[in-house]
Protein backbone atom coordinates (compact mmCIF):
# COMPACT_ATOMS: atom_id res chain seq x y z
CA MET A 1 -0.01 0.06 -0.02
CA GLN A 2 1.44 3.40 -1.04
CA LEU A 3 1.25 6.57 1.08
CA HIS A 4 -1.53 8.06 -1.06
CA ASP A 5 -3.59 4.97 -0.37
CA VAL A 6 -2.86 5.30 3.39
CA TRP A 7 -4.02 8.93 3.31
CA PHE A 8 -7.23 8.06 1.48
CA VAL A 9 -7.90 5.53 4.35
CA LEU A 10 -7.04 8.15 6.95
CA ILE A 11 -9.29 10.75 5.39
CA ALA A 12 -12.06 8.19 5.23
CA VAL A 13 -11.53 7.59 8.98
CA LEU A 14 -11.78 11.25 9.69
CA TRP A 15 -15.00 11.64 7.77
CA THR A 16 -16.38 8.50 9.34
CA GLY A 17 -15.56 9.81 12.89
CA TYR A 18 -17.13 13.14 12.02
CA PHE A 19 -20.33 11.63 10.88
CA PHE A 20 -20.50 9.31 13.84
CA LEU A 21 -20.03 12.18 16.40
CA GLU A 22 -21.69 15.08 14.55
CA GLY A 23 -24.49 12.78 13.41
CA PHE A 24 -26.08 12.55 16.87
CA ASP A 25 -25.05 16.20 17.37
CA PHE A 26 -27.16 17.27 14.43
CA GLY A 27 -29.89 14.85 15.42
CA ILE A 28 -30.15 16.53 18.84
CA GLY A 29 -30.55 19.87 17.14
CA VAL A 30 -33.39 18.58 14.99
CA LEU A 31 -35.02 16.98 18.02
CA THR A 32 -35.25 20.32 19.86
CA LYS A 33 -38.32 20.85 17.74
CA LEU A 34 -39.57 17.25 17.35
CA LEU A 35 -39.01 15.93 20.82
CA ALA A 36 -38.86 18.80 23.35
CA ARG A 37 -42.20 19.98 24.70
CA ASP A 38 -41.01 23.22 26.38
CA ARG A 39 -37.95 25.44 26.83
CA GLN A 40 -36.72 23.43 29.75
CA GLU A 41 -36.57 20.21 27.71
CA LYS A 42 -34.91 22.04 24.87
CA ARG A 43 -32.26 23.07 27.31
CA VAL A 44 -31.83 19.47 28.49
CA LEU A 45 -31.34 18.27 24.91
CA ILE A 46 -28.89 21.10 24.13
CA ASN A 47 -26.97 20.46 27.35
CA THR A 48 -26.43 16.81 26.38
CA ILE A 49 -24.15 17.95 23.60
CA GLY A 50 -23.08 21.22 25.20
CA PRO A 51 -19.60 19.97 26.33
CA VAL A 52 -18.78 18.05 23.16
CA TRP A 53 -20.33 19.63 20.04
CA ASP A 54 -17.31 21.84 19.26
CA GLY A 55 -14.90 18.94 19.81
CA ASN A 56 -16.97 16.88 17.31
CA GLU A 57 -16.29 19.51 14.62
CA VAL A 58 -12.54 19.03 15.03
CA TRP A 59 -12.98 15.88 12.94
CA LEU A 60 -14.41 18.03 10.07
CA ILE A 61 -11.58 20.53 10.26
CA SER A 62 -9.04 17.68 10.27
CA ALA A 63 -10.71 15.94 7.29
CA ALA A 64 -10.78 19.12 5.24
CA ALA A 65 -7.14 20.01 6.19
CA ALA A 66 -5.91 16.52 5.44
CA THR A 67 -7.70 16.58 2.03
CA PHE A 68 -6.09 19.91 1.21
CA ALA A 69 -2.60 18.72 2.12
CA ALA A 70 -2.75 15.12 0.87
CA PHE A 71 -4.91 15.55 -2.18
CA PRO A 72 -4.81 19.13 -3.39
CA GLU A 73 -6.45 18.36 -6.76
CA TRP A 74 -9.36 16.64 -4.94
CA TYR A 75 -9.69 19.61 -2.54
CA ALA A 76 -9.65 22.16 -5.32
CA THR A 77 -12.22 20.38 -7.53
CA LEU A 78 -14.46 19.51 -4.58
CA PHE A 79 -14.55 22.94 -2.93
CA SER A 80 -14.92 24.82 -6.20
CA GLY A 81 -17.52 22.55 -7.78
CA PHE A 82 -19.50 22.06 -4.57
CA TYR A 83 -19.06 25.71 -3.52
CA LEU A 84 -22.66 26.66 -2.84
CA PRO A 85 -23.65 23.58 -0.65
CA LEU A 86 -20.31 23.69 1.22
CA LEU A 87 -20.76 27.39 1.84
CA LEU A 88 -24.25 26.83 3.15
CA ILE A 89 -22.92 24.16 5.49
CA LEU A 90 -20.18 26.49 6.68
CA ILE A 91 -22.69 29.24 7.35
CA CYS A 92 -24.93 26.85 9.21
CA LEU A 93 -22.01 25.65 11.39
CA ILE A 94 -20.94 29.15 12.23
CA LEU A 95 -24.49 30.27 13.11
CA ARG A 96 -25.03 27.03 15.06
CA GLY A 97 -21.96 27.67 17.23
CA VAL A 98 -23.10 31.30 17.85
CA ALA A 99 -26.55 30.12 18.77
CA PHE A 100 -25.21 27.63 21.38
CA GLU A 101 -23.24 30.40 23.05
CA TYR A 102 -25.66 33.38 22.68
CA ARG A 103 -28.90 31.59 23.61
CA VAL A 104 -28.12 31.82 27.33
CA LYS A 105 -26.85 35.36 27.31
CA ARG A 106 -30.35 36.78 27.78
CA THR A 107 -33.49 35.46 29.37
CA GLY A 108 -35.95 37.09 26.99
CA GLU A 109 -38.54 34.87 25.42
CA ARG A 110 -38.05 36.19 21.88
CA TRP A 111 -34.23 36.14 22.16
CA GLN A 112 -34.03 32.50 23.25
CA ARG A 113 -36.75 31.35 20.85
CA ASN A 114 -34.89 32.84 17.83
CA TRP A 115 -31.62 31.18 18.81
CA GLU A 116 -33.38 27.82 19.41
CA ASN A 117 -34.92 28.10 15.99
CA THR A 118 -31.44 28.76 14.59
CA ILE A 119 -30.10 25.63 16.27
CA PHE A 120 -32.86 23.58 14.68
CA TRP A 121 -32.46 24.87 11.13
CA THR A 122 -28.64 24.91 11.23
CA SER A 123 -28.71 21.31 12.35
CA LEU A 124 -31.28 20.10 9.82
CA LEU A 125 -29.75 21.79 6.73
CA PRO A 126 -26.24 20.39 7.16
CA ALA A 127 -27.63 16.95 7.92
CA VAL A 128 -29.33 17.04 4.49
CA LEU A 129 -26.59 18.77 2.62
CA TRP A 130 -23.79 16.42 3.70
CA GLY A 131 -25.82 13.53 2.18
CA VAL A 132 -26.23 15.49 -1.02
CA VAL A 133 -22.48 16.24 -1.17
CA PHE A 134 -21.38 12.73 -0.58
CA GLY A 135 -24.02 11.29 -2.82
CA ASN A 136 -22.59 13.35 -5.68
CA LEU A 137 -19.01 12.46 -4.63
CA VAL A 138 -19.68 8.74 -4.89
CA HIS A 139 -22.05 8.84 -7.87
CA GLY A 140 -19.77 11.15 -9.89
CA VAL A 141 -20.01 14.64 -11.32
CA LYS A 142 -19.12 16.51 -14.51
CA ILE A 143 -15.31 16.82 -14.36
CA ASP A 144 -13.44 17.69 -17.54
CA ALA A 145 -9.92 16.89 -18.73
CA HIS A 146 -8.52 19.77 -16.77
CA LYS A 147 -9.82 18.32 -13.43
CA GLU A 148 -12.42 21.13 -13.20
CA TYR A 149 -16.13 20.72 -12.34
CA VAL A 150 -18.13 21.95 -15.33
CA GLY A 151 -21.67 21.22 -14.12
CA SER A 152 -24.14 23.54 -12.38
CA VAL A 153 -25.66 23.62 -8.97
CA LEU A 154 -28.81 21.98 -10.31
CA ASP A 155 -26.74 19.00 -11.51
CA LEU A 156 -25.96 18.29 -7.84
CA LEU A 157 -29.65 17.96 -7.11
CA ASN A 158 -30.08 14.59 -8.85
CA PRO A 159 -32.30 11.77 -7.41
CA TYR A 160 -29.46 9.76 -6.01
CA ALA A 161 -27.97 12.72 -4.17
CA ILE A 162 -31.34 13.89 -2.86
CA LEU A 163 -32.02 10.37 -1.51
CA GLY A 164 -28.59 10.52 0.15
CA GLY A 165 -29.63 13.80 1.85
CA LEU A 166 -32.85 12.22 3.12
CA VAL A 167 -30.87 9.23 4.45
CA THR A 168 -28.43 11.28 6.41
CA LEU A 169 -31.20 13.41 7.86
CA ALA A 170 -33.21 10.38 8.97
CA LEU A 171 -30.17 8.41 10.17
CA PHE A 172 -28.69 11.33 12.08
CA THR A 173 -32.02 12.16 13.75
CA PHE A 174 -32.44 8.55 14.80
CA HIS A 175 -28.88 8.50 16.07
CA GLY A 176 -29.64 11.67 18.06
CA ALA A 177 -32.83 10.22 19.52
CA VAL A 178 -30.88 7.15 20.74
CA PHE A 179 -28.24 9.46 22.21
CA ALA A 180 -30.93 11.54 23.92
CA SER A 181 -32.33 8.41 25.51
CA LEU A 182 -28.88 7.47 26.72
CA LYS A 183 -28.11 10.92 28.19
CA THR A 184 -31.39 11.98 29.86
CA VAL A 185 -33.64 10.91 32.70
CA GLY A 186 -37.34 11.07 33.28
CA ASP A 187 -40.12 11.54 30.83
CA ILE A 188 -37.96 12.93 28.06
CA ARG A 189 -35.87 9.76 28.15
CA GLU A 190 -38.92 7.64 27.54
CA ARG A 191 -40.18 9.83 24.78
CA ALA A 192 -36.74 9.81 23.15
CA ARG A 193 -36.94 6.00 23.04
CA ARG A 194 -40.38 6.18 21.44
CA MET A 195 -39.18 8.69 19.01
CA ALA A 196 -36.22 6.43 18.03
CA ALA A 197 -38.68 3.54 17.56
CA VAL A 198 -40.53 5.70 15.00
CA LEU A 199 -37.51 7.15 13.25
CA GLY A 200 -35.59 3.88 13.00
CA PRO A 201 -37.79 2.13 10.42
CA ILE A 202 -37.95 5.38 8.35
CA ALA A 203 -34.16 5.54 8.35
CA ALA A 204 -33.93 1.82 7.56
CA VAL A 205 -36.17 2.09 4.48
CA LEU A 206 -34.30 5.07 3.15
CA ALA A 207 -30.90 3.62 3.92
CA VAL A 208 -31.60 0.32 2.29
CA GLY A 209 -32.79 2.08 -0.82
CA PHE A 210 -29.75 4.36 -0.98
CA LEU A 211 -27.15 1.75 -0.10
CA GLY A 212 -28.82 -0.78 -2.34
CA TRP A 213 -28.66 1.69 -5.24
CA THR A 214 -25.02 2.36 -4.44
CA GLN A 215 -24.21 -1.40 -4.37
CA ALA A 216 -26.06 -2.08 -7.67
CA ASP A 217 -24.37 0.85 -9.37
CA GLN A 218 -20.72 0.36 -8.38
CA GLY A 219 -20.40 -1.92 -5.46
CA ASP A 220 -18.27 -5.08 -4.98
CA GLY A 221 -17.92 -7.79 -2.33
CA SER A 222 -16.38 -5.50 0.36
CA SER A 223 -18.98 -2.86 -0.09
CA LEU A 224 -21.70 -5.47 0.18
CA VAL A 225 -20.25 -6.60 3.49
CA ALA A 226 -20.25 -3.02 4.83
CA MET A 227 -23.88 -2.57 3.64
CA SER A 228 -24.90 -5.76 5.43
CA VAL A 229 -23.22 -4.60 8.63
CA ALA A 230 -25.08 -1.28 8.40
CA VAL A 231 -28.45 -2.95 7.90
CA VAL A 232 -27.96 -5.54 10.68
CA ALA A 233 -26.62 -2.90 13.08
CA LEU A 234 -29.72 -0.71 12.47
CA VAL A 235 -32.00 -3.64 13.20
CA ALA A 236 -30.04 -4.42 16.33
CA ALA A 237 -30.25 -0.72 17.38
CA LEU A 238 -34.04 -0.87 17.07
CA GLY A 239 -34.15 -4.07 19.11
CA ALA A 240 -31.98 -2.75 21.87
CA ASN A 241 -33.96 0.47 21.99
CA ARG A 242 -37.17 -1.49 22.38
CA LEU A 243 -35.61 -3.37 25.28
CA GLY A 244 -34.48 -0.23 26.96
CA ARG A 245 -30.80 -0.96 26.48
CA GLU A 246 -29.81 2.54 25.52
CA GLY A 247 -26.08 1.91 25.67
CA TRP A 248 -26.34 -0.96 23.21
CA ALA A 249 -28.78 0.97 21.03
CA PHE A 250 -26.37 3.87 20.71
CA THR A 251 -23.48 1.49 19.93
CA PHE A 252 -25.44 -0.18 17.17
CA SER A 253 -26.76 3.11 15.73
CA GLY A 254 -23.17 4.30 15.66
CA ILE A 255 -22.08 1.16 13.88
CA THR A 256 -24.81 1.85 11.36
CA VAL A 257 -23.43 5.26 10.56
CA VAL A 258 -19.83 4.02 10.44
CA ALA A 259 -20.61 1.13 8.18
CA ALA A 260 -22.66 3.20 5.80
CA VAL A 261 -19.85 5.78 5.42
CA VAL A 262 -17.32 2.99 5.10
CA MET A 263 -19.35 1.57 2.27
CA LEU A 264 -19.40 4.85 0.39
CA PHE A 265 -15.59 5.17 0.59
CA LEU A 266 -15.17 1.48 -0.49
CA THR A 267 -17.19 2.10 -3.58
CA LEU A 268 -15.30 5.35 -4.21
CA PHE A 269 -11.76 3.91 -4.07
CA PRO A 270 -9.40 4.22 -5.98
CA ASN A 271 -11.23 7.28 -7.20
CA VAL A 272 -11.68 10.40 -5.06
CA MET A 273 -14.07 12.17 -7.50
CA PRO A 274 -15.38 10.15 -10.48
CA SER A 275 -16.15 12.01 -13.74
CA THR A 276 -19.45 11.30 -15.45
CA LEU A 277 -18.10 12.71 -18.69
CA ASN A 278 -15.15 10.39 -19.16
CA GLU A 279 -13.70 7.72 -16.94
CA SER A 280 -10.12 8.72 -17.94
CA TRP A 281 -10.84 12.13 -16.35
CA ASN A 282 -11.58 10.64 -12.89
CA LEU A 283 -9.67 12.08 -10.00
CA THR A 284 -7.85 9.19 -8.33
CA VAL A 285 -5.74 8.68 -5.31
CA SER A 286 -2.71 8.76 -7.58
CA ASN A 287 -3.33 11.64 -9.92
CA ALA A 288 -4.85 13.94 -7.23
CA SER A 289 -2.28 13.40 -4.44
CA SER A 290 0.61 15.44 -3.17
CA SER A 291 4.26 14.38 -3.55
CA PRO A 292 5.53 11.37 -1.69
CA TYR A 293 7.72 13.61 0.44
CA THR A 294 4.75 15.78 1.54
CA LEU A 295 2.75 12.64 2.39
CA LYS A 296 5.67 11.30 4.40
CA ILE A 297 5.98 14.48 6.48
CA MET A 298 2.19 14.42 7.02
CA THR A 299 2.24 10.85 8.17
CA TRP A 300 4.76 11.56 10.93
CA GLY A 301 2.71 14.57 12.06
CA ALA A 302 -0.55 12.61 12.05
CA ALA A 303 1.11 9.73 13.99
CA PHE A 304 1.95 12.17 16.75
CA ALA A 305 -1.18 14.40 16.82
CA THR A 306 -4.04 11.92 16.19
CA PRO A 307 -3.63 9.84 19.41
CA LEU A 308 -3.52 13.05 21.48
CA VAL A 309 -6.73 14.34 19.98
CA MET A 310 -8.51 11.01 20.45
CA LEU A 311 -7.37 10.76 24.06
CA TYR A 312 -8.59 14.30 24.82
CA GLN A 313 -11.98 13.63 23.20
CA GLY A 314 -12.37 10.33 24.99
CA TRP A 315 -11.58 12.07 28.29
CA THR A 316 -14.17 14.78 27.60
CA TYR A 317 -16.92 12.22 27.00
CA TRP A 318 -15.92 10.34 30.12
CA VAL A 319 -16.07 13.47 32.27
CA PHE A 320 -19.53 14.46 30.98
CA ARG A 321 -20.94 10.88 30.90
CA LYS A 322 -23.80 11.33 33.39
CA ARG A 323 -27.40 11.68 32.47
CA ILE A 324 -29.23 14.97 32.89
CA GLY A 325 -32.82 16.06 33.29
CA THR A 326 -34.83 19.27 33.93
CA GLN A 327 -34.04 18.91 37.64
CA HIS A 328 -30.41 19.46 36.91
CA LEU A 329 -30.86 22.81 35.17
CA ALA A 330 -29.84 26.08 36.73
CA LYS A 331 -32.73 28.52 37.37
CA SER A 332 -31.06 31.56 35.80
CA HIS A 333 -31.23 30.71 32.08
C-alpha cells in the first residue's frame, strides 16, 4: 500500500468519525423541535451535547485540512464545484456555534426562541446537505480533462444525491434520539426512546434504498459486507432500543453510521471524484495526491497528533458521561 492509499484511508476515517459524532449532534438539534415540549426540555437536549459539540467539529476541520494537504487536486475540485452547498454548510455551522453560546446570554422569550430556531435549522440543513455532497461524490459529477467541475448547482440535485440527503437526515435524527435516551432521565428519556422507535424504520427504508442503489451501481464484495453490517446494526439498534438498552442501542446506531460511510468510501476507491463525462478524467488517489515527500511528512505529524486528539476527546466524553434532566438545570437561564 502506497502513502496516497494510506492517506485516503485516513481521510475516510476522519469523515467516518465526524459523521458518527456530529451525526447525533445534528440529530439533537433537530429533536429540539420534534421531541422537546417546552424550553426546559430544549435546554436539556442542548446540554447533552453542550460539552462536546465543538470537539466533534474538530474531525471536520481535520478531514478538510488532510484533504487539502494530501490531495490538493481533490480539494480544489471539490470545494470549487460544490461551492454553494459547502458554503451553506459552513454558514450553518458558524451560526449554530453562535446560537449555542448566545442563547443563554439573555433571558428574553423572543431572544431564546430565535436562537433555538437557529439551532434547529442549522442542524437540519447540514444533515441534508452532507448527504447530497457525498451522494454526488460517490455517484460522480461533470469533471473535464482539466480536473475542473463543469456542471451547475442543479446538477448536484439529482435523485441519487437527494435520496442521500434524506438518508443522512433520517439516520442522524435517529442517532440523536438514541443518544438523547442514553443521556437523559425522566419523561424525556422515555419519549426519546419512542421517537427512536418511529425514526428507526424510516431511516432503515431510506438507507436500504440508498445503499442498495449504491451497491447495484458500483459496489463489490467488500461494499456488500459493509452494507450488510449497516443494515444488521440498524435492526439491532431498534431491538436494543425497544428493550431499553440505551447503551447498546447507541453502539449499534453508531455502527450503522460508520458502516454506511465506510461503504461509500469503499465504492469510491481508488477514485476520489469520478467524472461522469469520461472515466479517464476521474480524480484518483494517484493523480490527485501530493508528492511522496509531503505525504511522508504528514504521516509523521498525524502519527503524533491523532492519538492526543482522540485521548482528549475520550476524556471529555468520560467526564460528561452522566445523564441529565430538567431537575439538573440552573434557574437563571
